[in-house]
Amino acid sequence: TPFDFDWDEAFARLATLPRQEEWETYMSIFQVARPGATSAEKWR
């Protein structure tokens, strides 16, 4: 990322983008994560 990048701000923005929730819901089928977890919560 650029040096002035804010991780929390970017993940908050990502969660609002079209189809992101659909993508997260679908990919959760494959991932070890709690149901409904956001990308920010899944990736440690």
ModelCIF file with pLDDT and N, C-alpha, C, O atoms, coordinates in Angstrom:
data_MODEL
#
_entry.id   MODEL 
#
_entity.id                         1 
_entity.type                       polymer 
_entity.pdbx_number_of_molecules   1 
#
_entity_poly.entity_id                      1 
_entity_poly.type                           'polypeptide(L)' 
_entity_poly.nstd_linkage                   no 
_entity_poly.nstd_monomer                   no 
_entity_poly.pdbx_seq_one_letter_code       TPFDFDWDEAFARLATLPRQEEWETYMSIFQVARPGATSAEKWR 
_entity_poly.pdbx_seq_one_letter_code_can   TPFDFDWDEAFARLATLPRQEEWETYMSIFQVARPGATSAEKWR 
_entity_poly.pdbx_strand_id                 A 
#
loop_
_entity_poly_seq.entity_id 
_entity_poly_seq.num 
_entity_poly_seq.mon_id 
_entity_poly_seq.hetero 
1 1  THR n 
1 2  PRO n 
1 3  PHE n 
1 4  ASP n 
1 5  PHE n 
1 6  ASP n 
1 7  TRP n 
1 8  ASP n 
1 9  GLU n 
1 10 ALA n 
1 11 PHE n 
1 12 ALA n 
1 13 ARG n 
1 14 LEU n 
1 15 ALA n 
1 16 THR n 
1 17 LEU n 
1 18 PRO n 
1 19 ARG n 
1 20 GLN n 
1 21 GLU n 
1 22 GLU n 
1 23 TRP n 
1 24 GLU n 
1 25 THR n 
1 26 TYR n 
1 27 MET n 
1 28 SER n 
1 29 ILE n 
1 30 PHE n 
1 31 GLN n 
1 32 VAL n 
1 33 ALA n 
1 34 ARG n 
1 35 PRO n 
1 36 GLY n 
1 37 ALA n 
1 38 THR n 
1 39 SER n 
1 40 ALA n 
1 41 GLU n 
1 42 LYS n 
1 43 TRP n 
1 44 ARG n 
#
_struct_asym.id          A 
_struct_asym.entity_id   1 
#
loop_
_ma_qa_metric.id 
_ma_qa_metric.mode 
_ma_qa_metric.name 
_ma_qa_metric.software_group_id 
_ma_qa_metric.type 
1 global pLDDT . pLDDT 
2 local  pLDDT . pLDDT 
#
_ma_qa_metric_global.metric_id      1 
_ma_qa_metric_global.metric_value   87.73 
_ma_qa_metric_global.model_id       1 
_ma_qa_metric_global.ordinal_id     1 
#
loop_
_ma_qa_metric_local.label_asym_id 
_ma_qa_metric_local.label_comp_id 
_ma_qa_metric_local.label_seq_id 
_ma_qa_metric_local.metric_id 
_ma_qa_metric_local.metric_value 
_ma_qa_metric_local.model_id 
_ma_qa_metric_local.ordinal_id 
A THR 1  2 92.00 1 1  
A PRO 2  2 94.00 1 2  
A PHE 3  2 94.00 1 3  
A ASP 4  2 94.00 1 4  
A PHE 5  2 93.00 1 5  
A ASP 6  2 93.00 1 6  
A TRP 7  2 90.00 1 7  
A ASP 8  2 90.00 1 8  
A GLU 9  2 91.00 1 9  
A ALA 10 2 90.00 1 10 
A PHE 11 2 85.00 1 11 
A ALA 12 2 88.00 1 12 
A ARG 13 2 89.00 1 13 
A LEU 14 2 85.00 1 14 
A ALA 15 2 84.00 1 15 
A THR 16 2 87.00 1 16 
A LEU 17 2 85.00 1 17 
A PRO 18 2 83.00 1 18 
A ARG 19 2 82.00 1 19 
A GLN 20 2 83.00 1 20 
A GLU 21 2 83.00 1 21 
A GLU 22 2 85.00 1 22 
A TRP 23 2 83.00 1 23 
A GLU 24 2 84.00 1 24 
A THR 25 2 86.00 1 25 
A TYR 26 2 86.00 1 26 
A MET 27 2 87.00 1 27 
A SER 28 2 90.00 1 28 
A ILE 29 2 91.00 1 29 
A PHE 30 2 95.00 1 30 
A GLN 31 2 95.00 1 31 
A VAL 32 2 95.00 1 32 
A ALA 33 2 89.00 1 33 
A ARG 34 2 86.00 1 34 
A PRO 35 2 82.00 1 35 
A GLY 36 2 81.00 1 36 
A ALA 37 2 84.00 1 37 
A THR 38 2 81.00 1 38 
A SER 39 2 82.00 1 39 
A ALA 40 2 82.00 1 40 
A GLU 41 2 87.00 1 41 
A LYS 42 2 90.00 1 42 
A TRP 43 2 91.00 1 43 
A ARG 44 2 93.00 1 44 
#
loop_
_atom_site.group_PDB 
_atom_site.id 
_atom_site.type_symbol 
_atom_site.label_atom_id 
_atom_site.label_alt_id 
_atom_site.label_comp_id 
_atom_site.label_asym_id 
_atom_site.label_entity_id 
_atom_site.label_seq_id 
_atom_site.pdbx_PDB_ins_code 
_atom_site.Cartn_x 
_atom_site.Cartn_y 
_atom_site.Cartn_z 
_atom_site.occupancy 
_atom_site.B_iso_or_equiv 
_atom_site.pdbx_formal_charge 
_atom_site.auth_seq_id 
_atom_site.auth_comp_id 
_atom_site.auth_asym_id 
_atom_site.auth_atom_id 
_atom_site.pdbx_PDB_model_num 
ATOM 1   N N  . THR A 1 1  ? 0.833   -1.202  0.000  1.00 92.00 ? 1  THR A N  1 
ATOM 2   C CA . THR A 1 1  ? 0.000   0.000   0.000  1.00 92.00 ? 1  THR A CA 1 
ATOM 3   C C  . THR A 1 1  ? 0.868   1.252   0.000  1.00 92.00 ? 1  THR A C  1 
ATOM 4   O O  . THR A 1 1  ? 2.067   1.176   0.268  1.00 92.00 ? 1  THR A O  1 
ATOM 5   N N  . PRO A 1 2  ? 0.265   2.412   -0.301 1.00 94.00 ? 2  PRO A N  1 
ATOM 6   C CA . PRO A 1 2  ? 0.994   3.657   -0.097 1.00 94.00 ? 2  PRO A CA 1 
ATOM 7   C C  . PRO A 1 2  ? 1.318   3.807   1.390  1.00 94.00 ? 2  PRO A C  1 
ATOM 8   O O  . PRO A 1 2  ? 0.624   3.244   2.236  1.00 94.00 ? 2  PRO A O  1 
ATOM 9   N N  . PHE A 1 3  ? 2.347   4.550   1.703  1.00 94.00 ? 3  PHE A N  1 
ATOM 10  C CA . PHE A 1 3  ? 2.797   4.681   3.082  1.00 94.00 ? 3  PHE A CA 1 
ATOM 11  C C  . PHE A 1 3  ? 1.735   5.321   3.980  1.00 94.00 ? 3  PHE A C  1 
ATOM 12  O O  . PHE A 1 3  ? 1.672   5.014   5.171  1.00 94.00 ? 3  PHE A O  1 
ATOM 13  N N  . ASP A 1 4  ? 0.904   6.201   3.428  1.00 94.00 ? 4  ASP A N  1 
ATOM 14  C CA . ASP A 1 4  ? -0.123  6.877   4.237  1.00 94.00 ? 4  ASP A CA 1 
ATOM 15  C C  . ASP A 1 4  ? -1.436  6.085   4.319  1.00 94.00 ? 4  ASP A C  1 
ATOM 16  O O  . ASP A 1 4  ? -2.446  6.618   4.780  1.00 94.00 ? 4  ASP A O  1 
ATOM 17  N N  . PHE A 1 5  ? -1.433  4.847   3.888  1.00 93.00 ? 5  PHE A N  1 
ATOM 18  C CA . PHE A 1 5  ? -2.597  3.975   3.874  1.00 93.00 ? 5  PHE A CA 1 
ATOM 19  C C  . PHE A 1 5  ? -3.087  3.687   5.291  1.00 93.00 ? 5  PHE A C  1 
ATOM 20  O O  . PHE A 1 5  ? -2.283  3.475   6.198  1.00 93.00 ? 5  PHE A O  1 
ATOM 21  N N  . ASP A 1 6  ? -4.409  3.681   5.479  1.00 93.00 ? 6  ASP A N  1 
ATOM 22  C CA . ASP A 1 6  ? -5.026  3.341   6.765  1.00 93.00 ? 6  ASP A CA 1 
ATOM 23  C C  . ASP A 1 6  ? -5.784  2.022   6.603  1.00 93.00 ? 6  ASP A C  1 
ATOM 24  O O  . ASP A 1 6  ? -6.809  1.977   5.924  1.00 93.00 ? 6  ASP A O  1 
ATOM 25  N N  . TRP A 1 7  ? -5.294  0.967   7.212  1.00 90.00 ? 7  TRP A N  1 
ATOM 26  C CA . TRP A 1 7  ? -5.845  -0.370  7.049  1.00 90.00 ? 7  TRP A CA 1 
ATOM 27  C C  . TRP A 1 7  ? -7.318  -0.443  7.462  1.00 90.00 ? 7  TRP A C  1 
ATOM 28  O O  . TRP A 1 7  ? -8.145  -0.969  6.717  1.00 90.00 ? 7  TRP A O  1 
ATOM 29  N N  . ASP A 1 8  ? -7.646  0.080   8.636  1.00 90.00 ? 8  ASP A N  1 
ATOM 30  C CA . ASP A 1 8  ? -9.026  0.002   9.130  1.00 90.00 ? 8  ASP A CA 1 
ATOM 31  C C  . ASP A 1 8  ? -9.983  0.761   8.217  1.00 90.00 ? 8  ASP A C  1 
ATOM 32  O O  . ASP A 1 8  ? -11.086 0.293   7.934  1.00 90.00 ? 8  ASP A O  1 
ATOM 33  N N  . GLU A 1 9  ? -9.559  1.918   7.767  1.00 91.00 ? 9  GLU A N  1 
ATOM 34  C CA . GLU A 1 9  ? -10.382 2.712   6.849  1.00 91.00 ? 9  GLU A CA 1 
ATOM 35  C C  . GLU A 1 9  ? -10.620 1.969   5.535  1.00 91.00 ? 9  GLU A C  1 
ATOM 36  O O  . GLU A 1 9  ? -11.730 1.976   5.002  1.00 91.00 ? 9  GLU A O  1 
ATOM 37  N N  . ALA A 1 10 ? -9.579  1.333   5.022  1.00 90.00 ? 10 ALA A N  1 
ATOM 38  C CA . ALA A 1 10 ? -9.700  0.604   3.750  1.00 90.00 ? 10 ALA A CA 1 
ATOM 39  C C  . ALA A 1 10 ? -10.642 -0.589  3.876  1.00 90.00 ? 10 ALA A C  1 
ATOM 40  O O  . ALA A 1 10 ? -11.456 -0.831  2.985  1.00 90.00 ? 10 ALA A O  1 
ATOM 41  N N  . PHE A 1 11 ? -10.539 -1.338  4.978  1.00 85.00 ? 11 PHE A N  1 
ATOM 42  C CA . PHE A 1 11 ? -11.432 -2.481  5.146  1.00 85.00 ? 11 PHE A CA 1 
ATOM 43  C C  . PHE A 1 11 ? -12.866 -2.040  5.371  1.00 85.00 ? 11 PHE A C  1 
ATOM 44  O O  . PHE A 1 11 ? -13.796 -2.711  4.924  1.00 85.00 ? 11 PHE A O  1 
ATOM 45  N N  . ALA A 1 12 ? -13.059 -0.924  6.056  1.00 88.00 ? 12 ALA A N  1 
ATOM 46  C CA . ALA A 1 12 ? -14.416 -0.388  6.218  1.00 88.00 ? 12 ALA A CA 1 
ATOM 47  C C  . ALA A 1 12 ? -14.982 -0.007  4.856  1.00 88.00 ? 12 ALA A C  1 
ATOM 48  O O  . ALA A 1 12 ? -16.154 -0.269  4.584  1.00 88.00 ? 12 ALA A O  1 
ATOM 49  N N  . ARG A 1 13 ? -14.183 0.600   4.007  1.00 89.00 ? 13 ARG A N  1 
ATOM 50  C CA . ARG A 1 13 ? -14.616 0.980   2.661  1.00 89.00 ? 13 ARG A CA 1 
ATOM 51  C C  . ARG A 1 13 ? -14.903 -0.263  1.814  1.00 89.00 ? 13 ARG A C  1 
ATOM 52  O O  . ARG A 1 13 ? -15.912 -0.322  1.110  1.00 89.00 ? 13 ARG A O  1 
ATOM 53  N N  . LEU A 1 14 ? -14.025 -1.239  1.885  1.00 85.00 ? 14 LEU A N  1 
ATOM 54  C CA . LEU A 1 14 ? -14.198 -2.467  1.116  1.00 85.00 ? 14 LEU A CA 1 
ATOM 55  C C  . LEU A 1 14 ? -15.539 -3.132  1.434  1.00 85.00 ? 14 LEU A C  1 
ATOM 56  O O  . LEU A 1 14 ? -16.221 -3.622  0.534  1.00 85.00 ? 14 LEU A O  1 
ATOM 57  N N  . ALA A 1 15 ? -15.912 -3.146  2.702  1.00 84.00 ? 15 ALA A N  1 
ATOM 58  C CA . ALA A 1 15 ? -17.157 -3.788  3.120  1.00 84.00 ? 15 ALA A CA 1 
ATOM 59  C C  . ALA A 1 15 ? -18.390 -3.126  2.512  1.00 84.00 ? 15 ALA A C  1 
ATOM 60  O O  . ALA A 1 15 ? -19.447 -3.753  2.445  1.00 84.00 ? 15 ALA A O  1 
ATOM 61  N N  . THR A 1 16 ? -18.279 -1.875  2.069  1.00 87.00 ? 16 THR A N  1 
ATOM 62  C CA . THR A 1 16 ? -19.430 -1.156  1.506  1.00 87.00 ? 16 THR A CA 1 
ATOM 63  C C  . THR A 1 16 ? -19.537 -1.286  -0.013 1.00 87.00 ? 16 THR A C  1 
ATOM 64  O O  . THR A 1 16 ? -20.539 -0.869  -0.595 1.00 87.00 ? 16 THR A O  1 
ATOM 65  N N  . LEU A 1 17 ? -18.536 -1.848  -0.651 1.00 85.00 ? 17 LEU A N  1 
ATOM 66  C CA . LEU A 1 17 ? -18.521 -1.905  -2.111 1.00 85.00 ? 17 LEU A CA 1 
ATOM 67  C C  . LEU A 1 17 ? -19.485 -2.965  -2.644 1.00 85.00 ? 17 LEU A C  1 
ATOM 68  O O  . LEU A 1 17 ? -19.714 -3.985  -1.993 1.00 85.00 ? 17 LEU A O  1 
ATOM 69  N N  . PRO A 1 18 ? -20.047 -2.720  -3.827 1.00 83.00 ? 18 PRO A N  1 
ATOM 70  C CA . PRO A 1 18 ? -20.994 -3.672  -4.427 1.00 83.00 ? 18 PRO A CA 1 
ATOM 71  C C  . PRO A 1 18 ? -20.382 -5.069  -4.549 1.00 83.00 ? 18 PRO A C  1 
ATOM 72  O O  . PRO A 1 18 ? -19.220 -5.222  -4.925 1.00 83.00 ? 18 PRO A O  1 
ATOM 73  N N  . ARG A 1 19 ? -21.167 -6.059  -4.231 1.00 82.00 ? 19 ARG A N  1 
ATOM 74  C CA . ARG A 1 19 ? -20.848 -7.477  -4.350 1.00 82.00 ? 19 ARG A CA 1 
ATOM 75  C C  . ARG A 1 19 ? -19.840 -7.988  -3.327 1.00 82.00 ? 19 ARG A C  1 
ATOM 76  O O  . ARG A 1 19 ? -19.577 -9.190  -3.298 1.00 82.00 ? 19 ARG A O  1 
ATOM 77  N N  . GLN A 1 20 ? -19.258 -7.121  -2.480 1.00 83.00 ? 20 GLN A N  1 
ATOM 78  C CA . GLN A 1 20 ? -18.275 -7.596  -1.508 1.00 83.00 ? 20 GLN A CA 1 
ATOM 79  C C  . GLN A 1 20 ? -18.929 -8.534  -0.483 1.00 83.00 ? 20 GLN A C  1 
ATOM 80  O O  . GLN A 1 20 ? -18.371 -9.585  -0.165 1.00 83.00 ? 20 GLN A O  1 
ATOM 81  N N  . GLU A 1 21 ? -20.085 -8.167  0.025  1.00 83.00 ? 21 GLU A N  1 
ATOM 82  C CA . GLU A 1 21 ? -20.759 -9.029  1.002  1.00 83.00 ? 21 GLU A CA 1 
ATOM 83  C C  . GLU A 1 21 ? -21.115 -10.384 0.380  1.00 83.00 ? 21 GLU A C  1 
ATOM 84  O O  . GLU A 1 21 ? -20.977 -11.428 1.018  1.00 83.00 ? 21 GLU A O  1 
ATOM 85  N N  . GLU A 1 22 ? -21.572 -10.350 -0.862 1.00 85.00 ? 22 GLU A N  1 
ATOM 86  C CA . GLU A 1 22 ? -21.891 -11.588 -1.582 1.00 85.00 ? 22 GLU A CA 1 
ATOM 87  C C  . GLU A 1 22 ? -20.642 -12.469 -1.709 1.00 85.00 ? 22 GLU A C  1 
ATOM 88  O O  . GLU A 1 22 ? -20.696 -13.678 -1.487 1.00 85.00 ? 22 GLU A O  1 
ATOM 89  N N  . TRP A 1 23 ? -19.514 -11.836 -2.072 1.00 83.00 ? 23 TRP A N  1 
ATOM 90  C CA . TRP A 1 23 ? -18.248 -12.563 -2.215 1.00 83.00 ? 23 TRP A CA 1 
ATOM 91  C C  . TRP A 1 23 ? -17.829 -13.169 -0.880 1.00 83.00 ? 23 TRP A C  1 
ATOM 92  O O  . TRP A 1 23 ? -17.443 -14.337 -0.829 1.00 83.00 ? 23 TRP A O  1 
ATOM 93  N N  . GLU A 1 24 ? -17.901 -12.394 0.201  1.00 84.00 ? 24 GLU A N  1 
ATOM 94  C CA . GLU A 1 24 ? -17.498 -12.887 1.526  1.00 84.00 ? 24 GLU A CA 1 
ATOM 95  C C  . GLU A 1 24 ? -18.382 -14.054 1.963  1.00 84.00 ? 24 GLU A C  1 
ATOM 96  O O  . GLU A 1 24 ? -17.888 -15.043 2.505  1.00 84.00 ? 24 GLU A O  1 
ATOM 97  N N  . THR A 1 25 ? -19.665 -13.937 1.730  1.00 86.00 ? 25 THR A N  1 
ATOM 98  C CA . THR A 1 25 ? -20.594 -15.011 2.103  1.00 86.00 ? 25 THR A CA 1 
ATOM 99  C C  . THR A 1 25 ? -20.267 -16.282 1.334  1.00 86.00 ? 25 THR A C  1 
ATOM 100 O O  . THR A 1 25 ? -20.220 -17.369 1.909  1.00 86.00 ? 25 THR A O  1 
ATOM 101 N N  . TYR A 1 26 ? -20.043 -16.142 0.040  1.00 86.00 ? 26 TYR A N  1 
ATOM 102 C CA . TYR A 1 26 ? -19.712 -17.315 -0.771 1.00 86.00 ? 26 TYR A CA 1 
ATOM 103 C C  . TYR A 1 26 ? -18.389 -17.938 -0.328 1.00 86.00 ? 26 TYR A C  1 
ATOM 104 O O  . TYR A 1 26 ? -18.319 -19.152 -0.134 1.00 86.00 ? 26 TYR A O  1 
ATOM 105 N N  . MET A 1 27 ? -17.350 -17.138 -0.166 1.00 87.00 ? 27 MET A N  1 
ATOM 106 C CA . MET A 1 27 ? -16.027 -17.670 0.157  1.00 87.00 ? 27 MET A CA 1 
ATOM 107 C C  . MET A 1 27 ? -15.983 -18.291 1.549  1.00 87.00 ? 27 MET A C  1 
ATOM 108 O O  . MET A 1 27 ? -15.116 -19.120 1.823  1.00 87.00 ? 27 MET A O  1 
ATOM 109 N N  . SER A 1 28 ? -16.900 -17.906 2.429  1.00 90.00 ? 28 SER A N  1 
ATOM 110 C CA . SER A 1 28 ? -16.910 -18.472 3.781  1.00 90.00 ? 28 SER A CA 1 
ATOM 111 C C  . SER A 1 28 ? -17.186 -19.981 3.773  1.00 90.00 ? 28 SER A C  1 
ATOM 112 O O  . SER A 1 28 ? -16.892 -20.676 4.747  1.00 90.00 ? 28 SER A O  1 
ATOM 113 N N  . ILE A 1 29 ? -17.747 -20.477 2.679  1.00 91.00 ? 29 ILE A N  1 
ATOM 114 C CA . ILE A 1 29 ? -17.969 -21.924 2.539  1.00 91.00 ? 29 ILE A CA 1 
ATOM 115 C C  . ILE A 1 29 ? -16.635 -22.677 2.658  1.00 91.00 ? 29 ILE A C  1 
ATOM 116 O O  . ILE A 1 29 ? -16.595 -23.806 3.148  1.00 91.00 ? 29 ILE A O  1 
ATOM 117 N N  . PHE A 1 30 ? -15.564 -22.050 2.212  1.00 95.00 ? 30 PHE A N  1 
ATOM 118 C CA . PHE A 1 30 ? -14.257 -22.689 2.143  1.00 95.00 ? 30 PHE A CA 1 
ATOM 119 C C  . PHE A 1 30 ? -13.375 -22.382 3.355  1.00 95.00 ? 30 PHE A C  1 
ATOM 120 O O  . PHE A 1 30 ? -12.425 -23.115 3.628  1.00 95.00 ? 30 PHE A O  1 
ATOM 121 N N  . GLN A 1 31 ? -13.676 -21.322 4.070  1.00 95.00 ? 31 GLN A N  1 
ATOM 122 C CA . GLN A 1 31 ? -12.766 -20.781 5.076  1.00 95.00 ? 31 GLN A CA 1 
ATOM 123 C C  . GLN A 1 31 ? -13.121 -21.229 6.493  1.00 95.00 ? 31 GLN A C  1 
ATOM 124 O O  . GLN A 1 31 ? -14.283 -21.484 6.809  1.00 95.00 ? 31 GLN A O  1 
ATOM 125 N N  . VAL A 1 32 ? -12.099 -21.318 7.331  1.00 95.00 ? 32 VAL A N  1 
ATOM 126 C CA . VAL A 1 32 ? -12.305 -21.582 8.742  1.00 95.00 ? 32 VAL A CA 1 
ATOM 127 C C  . VAL A 1 32 ? -12.554 -20.223 9.390  1.00 95.00 ? 32 VAL A C  1 
ATOM 128 O O  . VAL A 1 32 ? -11.618 -19.501 9.733  1.00 95.00 ? 32 VAL A O  1 
ATOM 129 N N  . ALA A 1 33 ? -13.821 -19.894 9.550  1.00 89.00 ? 33 ALA A N  1 
ATOM 130 C CA . ALA A 1 33 ? -14.214 -18.601 10.121 1.00 89.00 ? 33 ALA A CA 1 
ATOM 131 C C  . ALA A 1 33 ? -15.667 -18.707 10.576 1.00 89.00 ? 33 ALA A C  1 
ATOM 132 O O  . ALA A 1 33 ? -16.416 -19.564 10.107 1.00 89.00 ? 33 ALA A O  1 
ATOM 133 N N  . ARG A 1 34 ? -16.046 -17.840 11.479 1.00 86.00 ? 34 ARG A N  1 
ATOM 134 C CA . ARG A 1 34 ? -17.429 -17.869 11.951 1.00 86.00 ? 34 ARG A CA 1 
ATOM 135 C C  . ARG A 1 34 ? -18.354 -17.363 10.855 1.00 86.00 ? 34 ARG A C  1 
ATOM 136 O O  . ARG A 1 34 ? -17.957 -16.510 10.061 1.00 86.00 ? 34 ARG A O  1 
ATOM 137 N N  . PRO A 1 35 ? -19.565 -17.865 10.797 1.00 82.00 ? 35 PRO A N  1 
ATOM 138 C CA . PRO A 1 35 ? -20.529 -17.393 9.786  1.00 82.00 ? 35 PRO A CA 1 
ATOM 139 C C  . PRO A 1 35 ? -20.751 -15.883 9.896  1.00 82.00 ? 35 PRO A C  1 
ATOM 140 O O  . PRO A 1 35 ? -20.882 -15.343 10.994 1.00 82.00 ? 35 PRO A O  1 
ATOM 141 N N  . GLY A 1 36 ? -20.791 -15.224 8.763  1.00 81.00 ? 36 GLY A N  1 
ATOM 142 C CA . GLY A 1 36 ? -21.034 -13.784 8.734  1.00 81.00 ? 36 GLY A CA 1 
ATOM 143 C C  . GLY A 1 36 ? -19.815 -12.923 9.000  1.00 81.00 ? 36 GLY A C  1 
ATOM 144 O O  . GLY A 1 36 ? -19.933 -11.699 9.039  1.00 81.00 ? 36 GLY A O  1 
ATOM 145 N N  . ALA A 1 37 ? -18.648 -13.523 9.185  1.00 84.00 ? 37 ALA A N  1 
ATOM 146 C CA . ALA A 1 37 ? -17.431 -12.750 9.455  1.00 84.00 ? 37 ALA A CA 1 
ATOM 147 C C  . ALA A 1 37 ? -17.059 -11.909 8.238  1.00 84.00 ? 37 ALA A C  1 
ATOM 148 O O  . ALA A 1 37 ? -17.192 -12.355 7.099  1.00 84.00 ? 37 ALA A O  1 
ATOM 149 N N  . THR A 1 38 ? -16.596 -10.701 8.489  1.00 81.00 ? 38 THR A N  1 
ATOM 150 C CA . THR A 1 38 ? -16.119 -9.846  7.404  1.00 81.00 ? 38 THR A CA 1 
ATOM 151 C C  . THR A 1 38 ? -14.705 -10.271 7.023  1.00 81.00 ? 38 THR A C  1 
ATOM 152 O O  . THR A 1 38 ? -14.071 -11.053 7.731  1.00 81.00 ? 38 THR A O  1 
ATOM 153 N N  . SER A 1 39 ? -14.224 -9.759  5.918  1.00 82.00 ? 39 SER A N  1 
ATOM 154 C CA . SER A 1 39 ? -12.859 -10.054 5.498  1.00 82.00 ? 39 SER A CA 1 
ATOM 155 C C  . SER A 1 39 ? -11.865 -9.616  6.574  1.00 82.00 ? 39 SER A C  1 
ATOM 156 O O  . SER A 1 39 ? -10.884 -10.312 6.838  1.00 82.00 ? 39 SER A O  1 
ATOM 157 N N  . ALA A 1 40 ? -12.117 -8.476  7.186  1.00 82.00 ? 40 ALA A N  1 
ATOM 158 C CA . ALA A 1 40 ? -11.228 -7.973  8.239  1.00 82.00 ? 40 ALA A CA 1 
ATOM 159 C C  . ALA A 1 40 ? -11.202 -8.902  9.452  1.00 82.00 ? 40 ALA A C  1 
ATOM 160 O O  . ALA A 1 40 ? -10.200 -8.966  10.165 1.00 82.00 ? 40 ALA A O  1 
ATOM 161 N N  . GLU A 1 41 ? -12.293 -9.615  9.685  1.00 87.00 ? 41 GLU A N  1 
ATOM 162 C CA . GLU A 1 41 ? -12.352 -10.538 10.819 1.00 87.00 ? 41 GLU A CA 1 
ATOM 163 C C  . GLU A 1 41 ? -11.759 -11.904 10.476 1.00 87.00 ? 41 GLU A C  1 
ATOM 164 O O  . GLU A 1 41 ? -11.234 -12.579 11.361 1.00 87.00 ? 41 GLU A O  1 
ATOM 165 N N  . LYS A 1 42 ? -11.830 -12.318 9.228  1.00 90.00 ? 42 LYS A N  1 
ATOM 166 C CA . LYS A 1 42 ? -11.326 -13.628 8.816  1.00 90.00 ? 42 LYS A CA 1 
ATOM 167 C C  . LYS A 1 42 ? -9.808  -13.655 8.715  1.00 90.00 ? 42 LYS A C  1 
ATOM 168 O O  . LYS A 1 42 ? -9.145  -14.552 9.236  1.00 90.00 ? 42 LYS A O  1 
ATOM 169 N N  . TRP A 1 43 ? -9.280  -12.656 8.035  1.00 91.00 ? 43 TRP A N  1 
ATOM 170 C CA . TRP A 1 43 ? -7.837  -12.601 7.792  1.00 91.00 ? 43 TRP A CA 1 
ATOM 171 C C  . TRP A 1 43 ? -7.164  -12.043 9.034  1.00 91.00 ? 43 TRP A C  1 
ATOM 172 O O  . TRP A 1 43 ? -7.486  -10.939 9.473  1.00 91.00 ? 43 TRP A O  1 
ATOM 173 N N  . ARG A 1 44 ? -6.226  -12.802 9.607  1.00 93.00 ? 44 ARG A N  1 
ATOM 174 C CA . ARG A 1 44 ? -5.538  -12.388 10.829 1.00 93.00 ? 44 ARG A CA 1 
ATOM 175 C C  . ARG A 1 44 ? -4.196  -11.769 10.481 1.00 93.00 ? 44 ARG A C  1 
ATOM 176 O O  . ARG A 1 44 ? -3.458  -11.353 11.374 1.00 93.00 ? 44 ARG A O  1 
#
